[in-house]
Structure formats: C-alpha cells, structure tokens
Amino acid sequence: MKKLIILLTAIILVSAIATVVIAVTTGPDEIKYTPKMGTVTFNHLAHQGLTDCSTCHHTGDYTQCKSCHGVDQNAPKSKDAYHKQCKNCHKEMEQGPTKCKGCHIR
C-alpha cells in the first residue's frame, strides 16, 4: 500500500512540474526582424497576455511568420501582415509606435 501511495505521489508531482514547465514556456522574450528599413525588435514577452496568442499565431502551430507570409501566394506578404497587425493594434490600444522609425532602427 505504501508503494502505491509513493508511486501516485510521484506521478502527481511529475505531472504538476510538467504543467508548470509547459505554462512557462511561452516562446522567446524578444524577436528581431531585419528588413531593409532597419531592425525591428519585437518584445514578445511584453506582448504576451495583452491578447490571445491566436491573434498573431493564427495558424495555431507557432511557426515563423515568414514560413507562409512571403512564400505562400495566398498569404499576404510579411511586410503587409506585420504592418496591418502591429499598427492597427497600436492604434486601437492607443499605445505603441505607429510611425516607421518607431519600430525600424538603423
């Protein structure tokens, strides 16, 4: 009986730790894009929790945006997708840069 209790306790402990690890693993803190206009540093950590992840990760698989945007003819070009998504949200939330040099740093 003691062995069963110890085994169940160990399973519960491992499950709890795995749940915490998965919940904390939320992608990189920062993402850098290097378009011609200058480097854009996206603070991923600061944006988490402001909206549902599927707002940006609309495919649900968390791949890089350029795996479709700029490659797939049916997807908008990455520049258009970023500008529409980012600028519209910044305007709607009334915070964050909306001018070119607010994001693009040479």
PDB file of N, CA and C in Angstrom:
ATOM      1  N   MET A   1       0.819  -1.186   0.000  1.00  0.00           N
ATOM      2  CA  MET A   1       0.000   0.000   0.000  1.00  0.00           C
ATOM      3  C   MET A   1       0.872   1.262   0.000  1.00  0.00           C
ATOM      4  N   LYS A   2       1.989   1.239   0.784  1.00  0.00           N
ATOM      5  CA  LYS A   2       2.890   2.378   0.837  1.00  0.00           C
ATOM      6  C   LYS A   2       3.512   2.651  -0.533  1.00  0.00           C
ATOM      7  N   LYS A   3       3.863   1.575  -1.239  1.00  0.00           N
ATOM      8  CA  LYS A   3       4.467   1.723  -2.554  1.00  0.00           C
ATOM      9  C   LYS A   3       3.484   2.389  -3.516  1.00  0.00           C
ATOM     10  N   LEU A   4       2.237   2.035  -3.434  1.00  0.00           N
ATOM     11  CA  LEU A   4       1.215   2.619  -4.293  1.00  0.00           C
ATOM     12  C   LEU A   4       1.053   4.114  -3.999  1.00  0.00           C
ATOM     13  N   ILE A   5       1.045   4.479  -2.739  1.00  0.00           N
ATOM     14  CA  ILE A   5       0.920   5.887  -2.347  1.00  0.00           C
ATOM     15  C   ILE A   5       2.140   6.675  -2.814  1.00  0.00           C
ATOM     16  N   ILE A   6       3.312   6.093  -2.654  1.00  0.00           N
ATOM     17  CA  ILE A   6       4.536   6.761  -3.108  1.00  0.00           C
ATOM     18  C   ILE A   6       4.509   6.923  -4.623  1.00  0.00           C
ATOM     19  N   LEU A   7       4.101   5.897  -5.333  1.00  0.00           N
ATOM     20  CA  LEU A   7       4.018   5.953  -6.795  1.00  0.00           C
ATOM     21  C   LEU A   7       3.022   7.022  -7.246  1.00  0.00           C
ATOM     22  N   LEU A   8       1.846   7.050  -6.650  1.00  0.00           N
ATOM     23  CA  LEU A   8       0.838   8.049  -7.007  1.00  0.00           C
ATOM     24  C   LEU A   8       1.323   9.465  -6.685  1.00  0.00           C
ATOM     25  N   THR A   9       1.984   9.633  -5.564  1.00  0.00           N
ATOM     26  CA  THR A   9       2.534  10.939  -5.189  1.00  0.00           C
ATOM     27  C   THR A   9       3.579  11.383  -6.211  1.00  0.00           C
ATOM     28  N   ALA A  10       4.446  10.460  -6.622  1.00  0.00           N
ATOM     29  CA  ALA A  10       5.471  10.776  -7.618  1.00  0.00           C
ATOM     30  C   ALA A  10       4.836  11.167  -8.948  1.00  0.00           C
ATOM     31  N   ILE A  11       3.813  10.452  -9.369  1.00  0.00           N
ATOM     32  CA  ILE A  11       3.120  10.765 -10.628  1.00  0.00           C
ATOM     33  C   ILE A  11       2.483  12.146 -10.557  1.00  0.00           C
ATOM     34  N   ILE A  12       1.841  12.446  -9.457  1.00  0.00           N
ATOM     35  CA  ILE A  12       1.202  13.758  -9.283  1.00  0.00           C
ATOM     36  C   ILE A  12       2.250  14.866  -9.290  1.00  0.00           C
ATOM     37  N   LEU A  13       3.372  14.643  -8.617  1.00  0.00           N
ATOM     38  CA  LEU A  13       4.439  15.632  -8.565  1.00  0.00           C
ATOM     39  C   LEU A  13       5.025  15.883  -9.958  1.00  0.00           C
ATOM     40  N   VAL A  14       5.311  14.836 -10.689  1.00  0.00           N
ATOM     41  CA  VAL A  14       5.858  14.973 -12.042  1.00  0.00           C
ATOM     42  C   VAL A  14       4.855  15.682 -12.952  1.00  0.00           C
ATOM     43  N   SER A  15       3.593  15.343 -12.840  1.00  0.00           N
ATOM     44  CA  SER A  15       2.559  15.998 -13.650  1.00  0.00           C
ATOM     45  C   SER A  15       2.466  17.481 -13.331  1.00  0.00           C
ATOM     46  N   ALA A  16       2.534  17.837 -12.062  1.00  0.00           N
ATOM     47  CA  ALA A  16       2.465  19.242 -11.657  1.00  0.00           C
ATOM     48  C   ALA A  16       3.661  20.018 -12.196  1.00  0.00           C
ATOM     49  N   ILE A  17       4.844  19.451 -12.094  1.00  0.00           N
ATOM     50  CA  ILE A  17       6.051  20.110 -12.591  1.00  0.00           C
ATOM     51  C   ILE A  17       5.982  20.269 -14.107  1.00  0.00           C
ATOM     52  N   ALA A  18       5.536  19.234 -14.810  1.00  0.00           N
ATOM     53  CA  ALA A  18       5.418  19.309 -16.268  1.00  0.00           C
ATOM     54  C   ALA A  18       4.425  20.390 -16.680  1.00  0.00           C
ATOM     55  N   THR A  19       3.338  20.510 -15.956  1.00  0.00           N
ATOM     56  CA  THR A  19       2.342  21.544 -16.260  1.00  0.00           C
ATOM     57  C   THR A  19       2.936  22.937 -16.090  1.00  0.00           C
ATOM     58  N   VAL A  20       3.690  23.145 -15.042  1.00  0.00           N
ATOM     59  CA  VAL A  20       4.324  24.449 -14.797  1.00  0.00           C
ATOM     60  C   VAL A  20       5.344  24.755 -15.887  1.00  0.00           C
ATOM     61  N   VAL A  21       6.143  23.783 -16.257  1.00  0.00           N
ATOM     62  CA  VAL A  21       7.158  23.981 -17.295  1.00  0.00           C
ATOM     63  C   VAL A  21       6.490  24.340 -18.617  1.00  0.00           C
ATOM     64  N   ILE A  22       5.438  23.651 -18.981  1.00  0.00           N
ATOM     65  CA  ILE A  22       4.733  23.938 -20.232  1.00  0.00           C
ATOM     66  C   ILE A  22       4.110  25.323 -20.174  1.00  0.00           C
ATOM     67  N   ALA A  23       3.536  25.698 -19.067  1.00  0.00           N
ATOM     68  CA  ALA A  23       2.898  27.013 -18.933  1.00  0.00           C
ATOM     69  C   ALA A  23       3.916  28.140 -19.012  1.00  0.00           C
ATOM     70  N   VAL A  24       5.129  27.912 -18.525  1.00  0.00           N
ATOM     71  CA  VAL A  24       6.155  28.944 -18.529  1.00  0.00           C
ATOM     72  C   VAL A  24       6.827  29.059 -19.893  1.00  0.00           C
ATOM     73  N   THR A  25       6.847  28.002 -20.677  1.00  0.00           N
ATOM     74  CA  THR A  25       7.477  28.009 -21.984  1.00  0.00           C
ATOM     75  C   THR A  25       6.571  28.735 -22.967  1.00  0.00           C
ATOM     76  N   THR A  26       6.829  30.017 -23.142  1.00  0.00           N
ATOM     77  CA  THR A  26       5.952  30.838 -23.960  1.00  0.00           C
ATOM     78  C   THR A  26       6.680  31.475 -25.130  1.00  0.00           C
ATOM     79  N   GLY A  27       7.729  30.873 -25.563  1.00  0.00           N
ATOM     80  CA  GLY A  27       8.469  31.409 -26.698  1.00  0.00           C
ATOM     81  C   GLY A  27       9.574  32.347 -26.256  1.00  0.00           C
ATOM     82  N   PRO A  28      10.263  32.926 -27.234  1.00  0.00           N
ATOM     83  CA  PRO A  28      11.376  33.810 -26.921  1.00  0.00           C
ATOM     84  C   PRO A  28      10.893  35.123 -26.308  1.00  0.00           C
ATOM     85  N   ASP A  29      11.727  35.741 -25.491  1.00  0.00           N
ATOM     86  CA  ASP A  29      11.387  37.027 -24.890  1.00  0.00           C
ATOM     87  C   ASP A  29      11.389  38.133 -25.931  1.00  0.00           C
ATOM     88  N   GLU A  30      12.266  37.990 -26.933  1.00  0.00           N
ATOM     89  CA  GLU A  30      12.450  39.048 -27.919  1.00  0.00           C
ATOM     90  C   GLU A  30      12.677  38.420 -29.289  1.00  0.00           C
ATOM     91  N   ILE A  31      12.136  39.059 -30.322  1.00  0.00           N
ATOM     92  CA  ILE A  31      12.311  38.581 -31.693  1.00  0.00           C
ATOM     93  C   ILE A  31      12.810  39.744 -32.523  1.00  0.00           C
ATOM     94  N   LYS A  32      13.849  39.515 -33.329  1.00  0.00           N
ATOM     95  CA  LYS A  32      14.397  40.570 -34.183  1.00  0.00           C
ATOM     96  C   LYS A  32      14.129  40.230 -35.647  1.00  0.00           C
ATOM     97  N   TYR A  33      13.608  41.235 -36.343  1.00  0.00           N
ATOM     98  CA  TYR A  33      13.393  41.151 -37.789  1.00  0.00           C
ATOM     99  C   TYR A  33      14.365  42.124 -38.433  1.00  0.00           C
ATOM    100  N   THR A  34      14.891  41.781 -39.599  1.00  0.00           N
ATOM    101  CA  THR A  34      15.887  42.639 -40.239  1.00  0.00           C
ATOM    102  C   THR A  34      15.471  43.038 -41.652  1.00  0.00           C
ATOM    103  N   PRO A  35      14.408  43.831 -41.787  1.00  0.00           N
ATOM    104  CA  PRO A  35      14.029  44.314 -43.116  1.00  0.00           C
ATOM    105  C   PRO A  35      14.955  45.443 -43.569  1.00  0.00           C
ATOM    106  N   LYS A  36      14.802  45.888 -44.818  1.00  0.00           N
ATOM    107  CA  LYS A  36      15.656  46.930 -45.386  1.00  0.00           C
ATOM    108  C   LYS A  36      15.578  48.249 -44.617  1.00  0.00           C
ATOM    109  N   MET A  37      14.433  48.568 -44.063  1.00  0.00           N
ATOM    110  CA  MET A  37      14.228  49.849 -43.369  1.00  0.00           C
ATOM    111  C   MET A  37      14.960  49.938 -42.032  1.00  0.00           C
ATOM    112  N   GLY A  38      15.467  48.839 -41.519  1.00  0.00           N
ATOM    113  CA  GLY A  38      16.143  48.826 -40.231  1.00  0.00           C
ATOM    114  C   GLY A  38      15.586  47.728 -39.343  1.00  0.00           C
ATOM    115  N   THR A  39      16.348  47.322 -38.374  1.00  0.00           N
ATOM    116  CA  THR A  39      15.982  46.208 -37.495  1.00  0.00           C
ATOM    117  C   THR A  39      14.767  46.554 -36.647  1.00  0.00           C
ATOM    118  N   VAL A  40      13.834  45.612 -36.589  1.00  0.00           N
ATOM    119  CA  VAL A  40      12.658  45.741 -35.735  1.00  0.00           C
ATOM    120  C   VAL A  40      12.826  44.728 -34.608  1.00  0.00           C
ATOM    121  N   THR A  41      12.830  45.219 -33.377  1.00  0.00           N
ATOM    122  CA  THR A  41      12.931  44.353 -32.215  1.00  0.00           C
ATOM    123  C   THR A  41      11.549  44.252 -31.595  1.00  0.00           C
ATOM    124  N   PHE A  42      10.980  43.060 -31.642  1.00  0.00           N
ATOM    125  CA  PHE A  42       9.643  42.820 -31.112  1.00  0.00           C
ATOM    126  C   PHE A  42       9.775  42.218 -29.723  1.00  0.00           C
ATOM    127  N   ASN A  43       9.258  42.912 -28.719  1.00  0.00           N
ATOM    128  CA  ASN A  43       9.310  42.428 -27.349  1.00  0.00           C
ATOM    129  C   ASN A  43       8.144  41.454 -27.141  1.00  0.00           C
ATOM    130  N   HIS A  44       8.391  40.206 -27.423  1.00  0.00           N
ATOM    131  CA  HIS A  44       7.377  39.160 -27.348  1.00  0.00           C
ATOM    132  C   HIS A  44       6.850  39.012 -25.921  1.00  0.00           C
ATOM    133  N   LEU A  45       7.756  39.068 -24.958  1.00  0.00           N
ATOM    134  CA  LEU A  45       7.379  38.904 -23.551  1.00  0.00           C
ATOM    135  C   LEU A  45       6.386  39.982 -23.111  1.00  0.00           C
ATOM    136  N   ALA A  46       6.623  41.231 -23.527  1.00  0.00           N
ATOM    137  CA  ALA A  46       5.739  42.333 -23.132  1.00  0.00           C
ATOM    138  C   ALA A  46       4.363  42.223 -23.777  1.00  0.00           C
ATOM    139  N   HIS A  47       4.277  41.579 -24.927  1.00  0.00           N
ATOM    140  CA  HIS A  47       3.001  41.463 -25.633  1.00  0.00           C
ATOM    141  C   HIS A  47       2.157  40.278 -25.155  1.00  0.00           C
ATOM    142  N   GLN A  48       2.783  39.327 -24.479  1.00  0.00           N
ATOM    143  CA  GLN A  48       2.041  38.162 -24.010  1.00  0.00           C
ATOM    144  C   GLN A  48       1.031  38.577 -22.956  1.00  0.00           C
ATOM    145  N   GLY A  49      -0.166  38.093 -23.095  1.00  0.00           N
ATOM    146  CA  GLY A  49      -1.215  38.408 -22.148  1.00  0.00           C
ATOM    147  C   GLY A  49      -2.028  39.632 -22.547  1.00  0.00           C
ATOM    148  N   LEU A  50      -1.533  40.426 -23.514  1.00  0.00           N
ATOM    149  CA  LEU A  50      -2.306  41.581 -23.987  1.00  0.00           C
ATOM    150  C   LEU A  50      -3.458  41.143 -24.876  1.00  0.00           C
ATOM    151  N   THR A  51      -3.263  40.025 -25.538  1.00  0.00           N
ATOM    152  CA  THR A  51      -4.277  39.475 -26.426  1.00  0.00           C
ATOM    153  C   THR A  51      -4.107  37.965 -26.455  1.00  0.00           C
ATOM    154  N   ASP A  52      -5.041  37.280 -27.028  1.00  0.00           N
ATOM    155  CA  ASP A  52      -4.940  35.836 -27.179  1.00  0.00           C
ATOM    156  C   ASP A  52      -3.816  35.510 -28.159  1.00  0.00           C
ATOM    157  N   CYS A  53      -3.061  34.470 -27.902  1.00  0.00           N
ATOM    158  CA  CYS A  53      -1.931  34.098 -28.760  1.00  0.00           C
ATOM    159  C   CYS A  53      -2.354  33.896 -30.222  1.00  0.00           C
ATOM    160  N   SER A  54      -3.569  33.400 -30.424  1.00  0.00           N
ATOM    161  CA  SER A  54      -4.028  33.114 -31.790  1.00  0.00           C
ATOM    162  C   SER A  54      -4.243  34.374 -32.618  1.00  0.00           C
ATOM    163  N   THR A  55      -4.215  35.550 -31.990  1.00  0.00           N
ATOM    164  CA  THR A  55      -4.318  36.793 -32.747  1.00  0.00           C
ATOM    165  C   THR A  55      -3.156  36.897 -33.716  1.00  0.00           C
ATOM    166  N   CYS A  56      -1.965  36.604 -33.250  1.00  0.00           N
ATOM    167  CA  CYS A  56      -0.786  36.631 -34.117  1.00  0.00           C
ATOM    168  C   CYS A  56      -0.473  35.243 -34.672  1.00  0.00           C
ATOM    169  N   HIS A  57      -0.575  34.245 -33.825  1.00  0.00           N
ATOM    170  CA  HIS A  57      -0.280  32.865 -34.230  1.00  0.00           C
ATOM    171  C   HIS A  57      -1.563  32.223 -34.732  1.00  0.00           C
ATOM    172  N   HIS A  58      -2.082  32.762 -35.827  1.00  0.00           N
ATOM    173  CA  HIS A  58      -3.410  32.374 -36.305  1.00  0.00           C
ATOM    174  C   HIS A  58      -3.483  30.977 -36.894  1.00  0.00           C
ATOM    175  N   THR A  59      -2.346  30.381 -37.214  1.00  0.00           N
ATOM    176  CA  THR A  59      -2.371  29.017 -37.740  1.00  0.00           C
ATOM    177  C   THR A  59      -2.368  27.985 -36.620  1.00  0.00           C
ATOM    178  N   GLY A  60      -2.006  28.426 -35.410  1.00  0.00           N
ATOM    179  CA  GLY A  60      -2.020  27.535 -34.257  1.00  0.00           C
ATOM    180  C   GLY A  60      -0.786  26.685 -34.098  1.00  0.00           C
ATOM    181  N   ASP A  61       0.171  26.777 -35.034  1.00  0.00           N
ATOM    182  CA  ASP A  61       1.349  25.921 -34.934  1.00  0.00           C
ATOM    183  C   ASP A  61       2.612  26.660 -34.506  1.00  0.00           C
ATOM    184  N   TYR A  62       2.537  27.966 -34.273  1.00  0.00           N
ATOM    185  CA  TYR A  62       3.636  28.767 -33.749  1.00  0.00           C
ATOM    186  C   TYR A  62       4.906  28.705 -34.589  1.00  0.00           C
ATOM    187  N   THR A  63       4.745  28.559 -35.897  1.00  0.00           N
ATOM    188  CA  THR A  63       5.903  28.607 -36.788  1.00  0.00           C
ATOM    189  C   THR A  63       6.267  30.063 -37.048  1.00  0.00           C
ATOM    190  N   GLN A  64       7.412  30.284 -37.675  1.00  0.00           N
ATOM    191  CA  GLN A  64       7.807  31.640 -38.019  1.00  0.00           C
ATOM    192  C   GLN A  64       6.864  32.206 -39.065  1.00  0.00           C
ATOM    193  N   CYS A  65       6.590  33.479 -38.962  1.00  0.00           N
ATOM    194  CA  CYS A  65       5.649  34.139 -39.876  1.00  0.00           C
ATOM    195  C   CYS A  65       6.077  33.962 -41.336  1.00  0.00           C
ATOM    196  N   LYS A  66       7.375  34.080 -41.579  1.00  0.00           N
ATOM    197  CA  LYS A  66       7.873  34.008 -42.964  1.00  0.00           C
ATOM    198  C   LYS A  66       7.832  32.598 -43.539  1.00  0.00           C
ATOM    199  N   SER A  67       7.364  31.622 -42.764  1.00  0.00           N
ATOM    200  CA  SER A  67       7.209  30.290 -43.339  1.00  0.00           C
ATOM    201  C   SER A  67       6.017  30.277 -44.302  1.00  0.00           C
ATOM    202  N   CYS A  68       5.086  31.231 -44.147  1.00  0.00           N
ATOM    203  CA  CYS A  68       3.950  31.370 -45.080  1.00  0.00           C
ATOM    204  C   CYS A  68       3.943  32.746 -45.751  1.00  0.00           C
ATOM    205  N   HIS A  69       4.038  33.797 -44.923  1.00  0.00           N
ATOM    206  CA  HIS A  69       3.982  35.159 -45.456  1.00  0.00           C
ATOM    207  C   HIS A  69       5.222  35.444 -46.294  1.00  0.00           C
ATOM    208  N   GLY A  70       4.987  35.771 -47.573  1.00  0.00           N
ATOM    209  CA  GLY A  70       6.090  35.998 -48.494  1.00  0.00           C
ATOM    210  C   GLY A  70       6.477  34.745 -49.259  1.00  0.00           C
ATOM    211  N   VAL A  71       5.882  33.617 -48.900  1.00  0.00           N
ATOM    212  CA  VAL A  71       6.160  32.349 -49.575  1.00  0.00           C
ATOM    213  C   VAL A  71       4.885  31.829 -50.241  1.00  0.00           C
ATOM    214  N   ASP A  72       3.840  31.702 -49.453  1.00  0.00           N
ATOM    215  CA  ASP A  72       2.548  31.216 -49.939  1.00  0.00           C
ATOM    216  C   ASP A  72       1.831  32.340 -50.674  1.00  0.00           C
ATOM    217  N   GLN A  73       1.445  32.095 -51.915  1.00  0.00           N
ATOM    218  CA  GLN A  73       0.773  33.103 -52.742  1.00  0.00           C
ATOM    219  C   GLN A  73      -0.549  33.558 -52.128  1.00  0.00           C
ATOM    220  N   ASN A  74      -1.198  32.699 -51.336  1.00  0.00           N
ATOM    221  CA  ASN A  74      -2.487  33.023 -50.733  1.00  0.00           C
ATOM    222  C   ASN A  74      -2.363  33.858 -49.456  1.00  0.00           C
ATOM    223  N   ALA A  75      -1.179  33.892 -48.879  1.00  0.00           N
ATOM    224  CA  ALA A  75      -0.950  34.658 -47.654  1.00  0.00           C
ATOM    225  C   ALA A  75      -0.430  36.050 -48.022  1.00  0.00           C
ATOM    226  N   PRO A  76      -0.817  37.071 -47.251  1.00  0.00           N
ATOM    227  CA  PRO A  76      -0.272  38.411 -47.529  1.00  0.00           C
ATOM    228  C   PRO A  76       1.241  38.421 -47.334  1.00  0.00           C
ATOM    229  N   LYS A  77       1.917  39.321 -48.025  1.00  0.00           N
ATOM    230  CA  LYS A  77       3.365  39.454 -47.837  1.00  0.00           C
ATOM    231  C   LYS A  77       3.628  39.801 -46.376  1.00  0.00           C
ATOM    232  N   SER A  78       4.790  39.387 -45.864  1.00  0.00           N
ATOM    233  CA  SER A  78       5.088  39.584 -44.443  1.00  0.00           C
ATOM    234  C   SER A  78       5.029  41.058 -44.060  1.00  0.00           C
ATOM    235  N   LYS A  79       5.547  41.937 -44.901  1.00  0.00           N
ATOM    236  CA  LYS A  79       5.519  43.368 -44.611  1.00  0.00           C
ATOM    237  C   LYS A  79       4.080  43.843 -44.397  1.00  0.00           C
ATOM    238  N   ASP A  80       3.189  43.460 -45.294  1.00  0.00           N
ATOM    239  CA  ASP A  80       1.788  43.872 -45.188  1.00  0.00           C
ATOM    240  C   ASP A  80       1.125  43.288 -43.942  1.00  0.00           C
ATOM    241  N   ALA A  81       1.426  42.035 -43.651  1.00  0.00           N
ATOM    242  CA  ALA A  81       0.833  41.381 -42.478  1.00  0.00           C
ATOM    243  C   ALA A  81       1.305  42.046 -41.191  1.00  0.00           C
ATOM    244  N   TYR A  82       2.617  42.299 -41.078  1.00  0.00           N
ATOM    245  CA  TYR A  82       3.154  42.942 -39.878  1.00  0.00           C
ATOM    246  C   TYR A  82       2.569  44.340 -39.704  1.00  0.00           C
ATOM    247  N   HIS A  83       2.632  45.113 -40.778  1.00  0.00           N
ATOM    248  CA  HIS A  83       2.159  46.495 -40.682  1.00  0.00           C
ATOM    249  C   HIS A  83       0.684  46.548 -40.301  1.00  0.00           C
ATOM    250  N   LYS A  84      -0.128  45.730 -40.927  1.00  0.00           N
ATOM    251  CA  LYS A  84      -1.556  45.747 -40.623  1.00  0.00           C
ATOM    252  C   LYS A  84      -1.793  45.306 -39.172  1.00  0.00           C
ATOM    253  N   GLN A  85      -1.198  44.201 -38.785  1.00  0.00           N
ATOM    254  CA  GLN A  85      -1.410  43.652 -37.442  1.00  0.00           C
ATOM    255  C   GLN A  85      -0.880  44.585 -36.364  1.00  0.00           C
ATOM    256  N   CYS A  86       0.364  44.997 -36.490  1.00  0.00           N
ATOM    257  CA  CYS A  86       1.015  45.785 -35.448  1.00  0.00           C
ATOM    258  C   CYS A  86       0.447  47.199 -35.364  1.00  0.00           C
ATOM    259  N   LYS A  87       0.419  47.889 -36.499  1.00  0.00           N
ATOM    260  CA  LYS A  87      -0.043  49.282 -36.483  1.00  0.00           C
ATOM    261  C   LYS A  87      -1.500  49.390 -36.064  1.00  0.00           C
ATOM    262  N   ASN A  88      -2.342  48.488 -36.562  1.00  0.00           N
ATOM    263  CA  ASN A  88      -3.756  48.547 -36.192  1.00  0.00           C
ATOM    264  C   ASN A  88      -3.939  48.318 -34.695  1.00  0.00           C
ATOM    265  N   CYS A  89      -3.204  47.379 -34.136  1.00  0.00           N
ATOM    266  CA  CYS A  89      -3.316  47.110 -32.701  1.00  0.00           C
ATOM    267  C   CYS A  89      -2.804  48.302 -31.895  1.00  0.00           C
ATOM    268  N   HIS A  90      -1.665  48.863 -32.302  1.00  0.00           N
ATOM    269  CA  HIS A  90      -1.113  50.012 -31.595  1.00  0.00           C
ATOM    270  C   HIS A  90      -2.082  51.190 -31.622  1.00  0.00           C
ATOM    271  N   LYS A  91      -2.739  51.402 -32.774  1.00  0.00           N
ATOM    272  CA  LYS A  91      -3.720  52.491 -32.864  1.00  0.00           C
ATOM    273  C   LYS A  91      -4.935  52.192 -31.988  1.00  0.00           C
ATOM    274  N   GLU A  92      -5.403  50.964 -32.033  1.00  0.00           N
ATOM    275  CA  GLU A  92      -6.580  50.563 -31.252  1.00  0.00           C
ATOM    276  C   GLU A  92      -6.322  50.667 -29.752  1.00  0.00           C
ATOM    277  N   MET A  93      -5.152  50.238 -29.320  1.00  0.00           N
ATOM    278  CA  MET A  93      -4.810  50.259 -27.896  1.00  0.00           C
ATOM    279  C   MET A  93      -4.323  51.646 -27.452  1.00  0.00           C
ATOM    280  N   GLU A  94      -4.105  52.515 -28.438  1.00  0.00           N
ATOM    281  CA  GLU A  94      -3.595  53.869 -28.199  1.00  0.00           C
ATOM    282  C   GLU A  94      -2.267  53.856 -27.457  1.00  0.00           C
ATOM    283  N   GLN A  95      -1.440  52.894 -27.816  1.00  0.00           N
ATOM    284  CA  GLN A  95      -0.070  52.831 -27.298  1.00  0.00           C
ATOM    285  C   GLN A  95       0.771  52.023 -28.256  1.00  0.00           C
ATOM    286  N   GLY A  96       2.047  52.286 -28.264  1.00  0.00           N
ATOM    287  CA  GLY A  96       2.966  51.617 -29.172  1.00  0.00           C
ATOM    288  C   GLY A  96       3.197  52.475 -30.402  1.00  0.00           C
ATOM    289  N   PRO A  97       4.335  52.286 -31.051  1.00  0.00           N
ATOM    290  CA  PRO A  97       4.683  53.107 -32.205  1.00  0.00           C
ATOM    291  C   PRO A  97       3.804  52.817 -33.427  1.00  0.00           C
ATOM    292  N   THR A  98       3.554  53.858 -34.205  1.00  0.00           N
ATOM    293  CA  THR A  98       2.804  53.702 -35.461  1.00  0.00           C
ATOM    294  C   THR A  98       3.555  54.316 -36.637  1.00  0.00           C
ATOM    295  N   LYS A  99       4.648  54.997 -36.373  1.00  0.00           N
ATOM    296  CA  LYS A  99       5.479  55.603 -37.423  1.00  0.00           C
ATOM    297  C   LYS A  99       6.655  54.681 -37.702  1.00  0.00           C
ATOM    298  N   CYS A 100       7.200  54.779 -38.908  1.00  0.00           N
ATOM    299  CA  CYS A 100       8.272  53.884 -39.348  1.00  0.00           C
ATOM    300  C   CYS A 100       9.432  53.789 -38.348  1.00  0.00           C
ATOM    301  N   LYS A 101       9.972  54.950 -37.981  1.00  0.00           N
ATOM    302  CA  LYS A 101      11.164  54.973 -37.112  1.00  0.00           C
ATOM    303  C   LYS A 101      10.856  54.583 -35.672  1.00  0.00           C
ATOM    304  N   GLY A 102       9.592  54.382 -35.349  1.00  0.00           N
ATOM    305  CA  GLY A 102       9.236  53.904 -34.020  1.00  0.00           C
ATOM    306  C   GLY A 102       9.578  52.437 -33.837  1.00  0.00           C
ATOM    307  N   CYS A 103       9.614  51.707 -34.926  1.00  0.00           N
ATOM    308  CA  CYS A 103       9.945  50.272 -34.889  1.00  0.00           C
ATOM    309  C   CYS A 103      11.258  49.967 -35.613  1.00  0.00           C
ATOM    310  N   HIS A 104      11.457  50.585 -36.770  1.00  0.00           N
ATOM    311  CA  HIS A 104      12.620  50.312 -37.598  1.00  0.00           C
ATOM    312  C   HIS A 104      13.802  51.151 -37.130  1.00  0.00           C
ATOM    313  N   ILE A 105      14.839  50.495 -36.625  1.00  0.00           N
ATOM    314  CA  ILE A 105      16.045  51.171 -36.119  1.00  0.00           C
ATOM    315  C   ILE A 105      17.216  50.781 -37.002  1.00  0.00           C
ATOM    316  N   ARG A 106      17.854  51.775 -37.583  1.00  0.00           N
ATOM    317  CA  ARG A 106      19.036  51.517 -38.443  1.00  0.00           C
ATOM    318  C   ARG A 106      20.284  51.411 -37.620  1.00  0.00           C
TER     319      ARG A 106
END
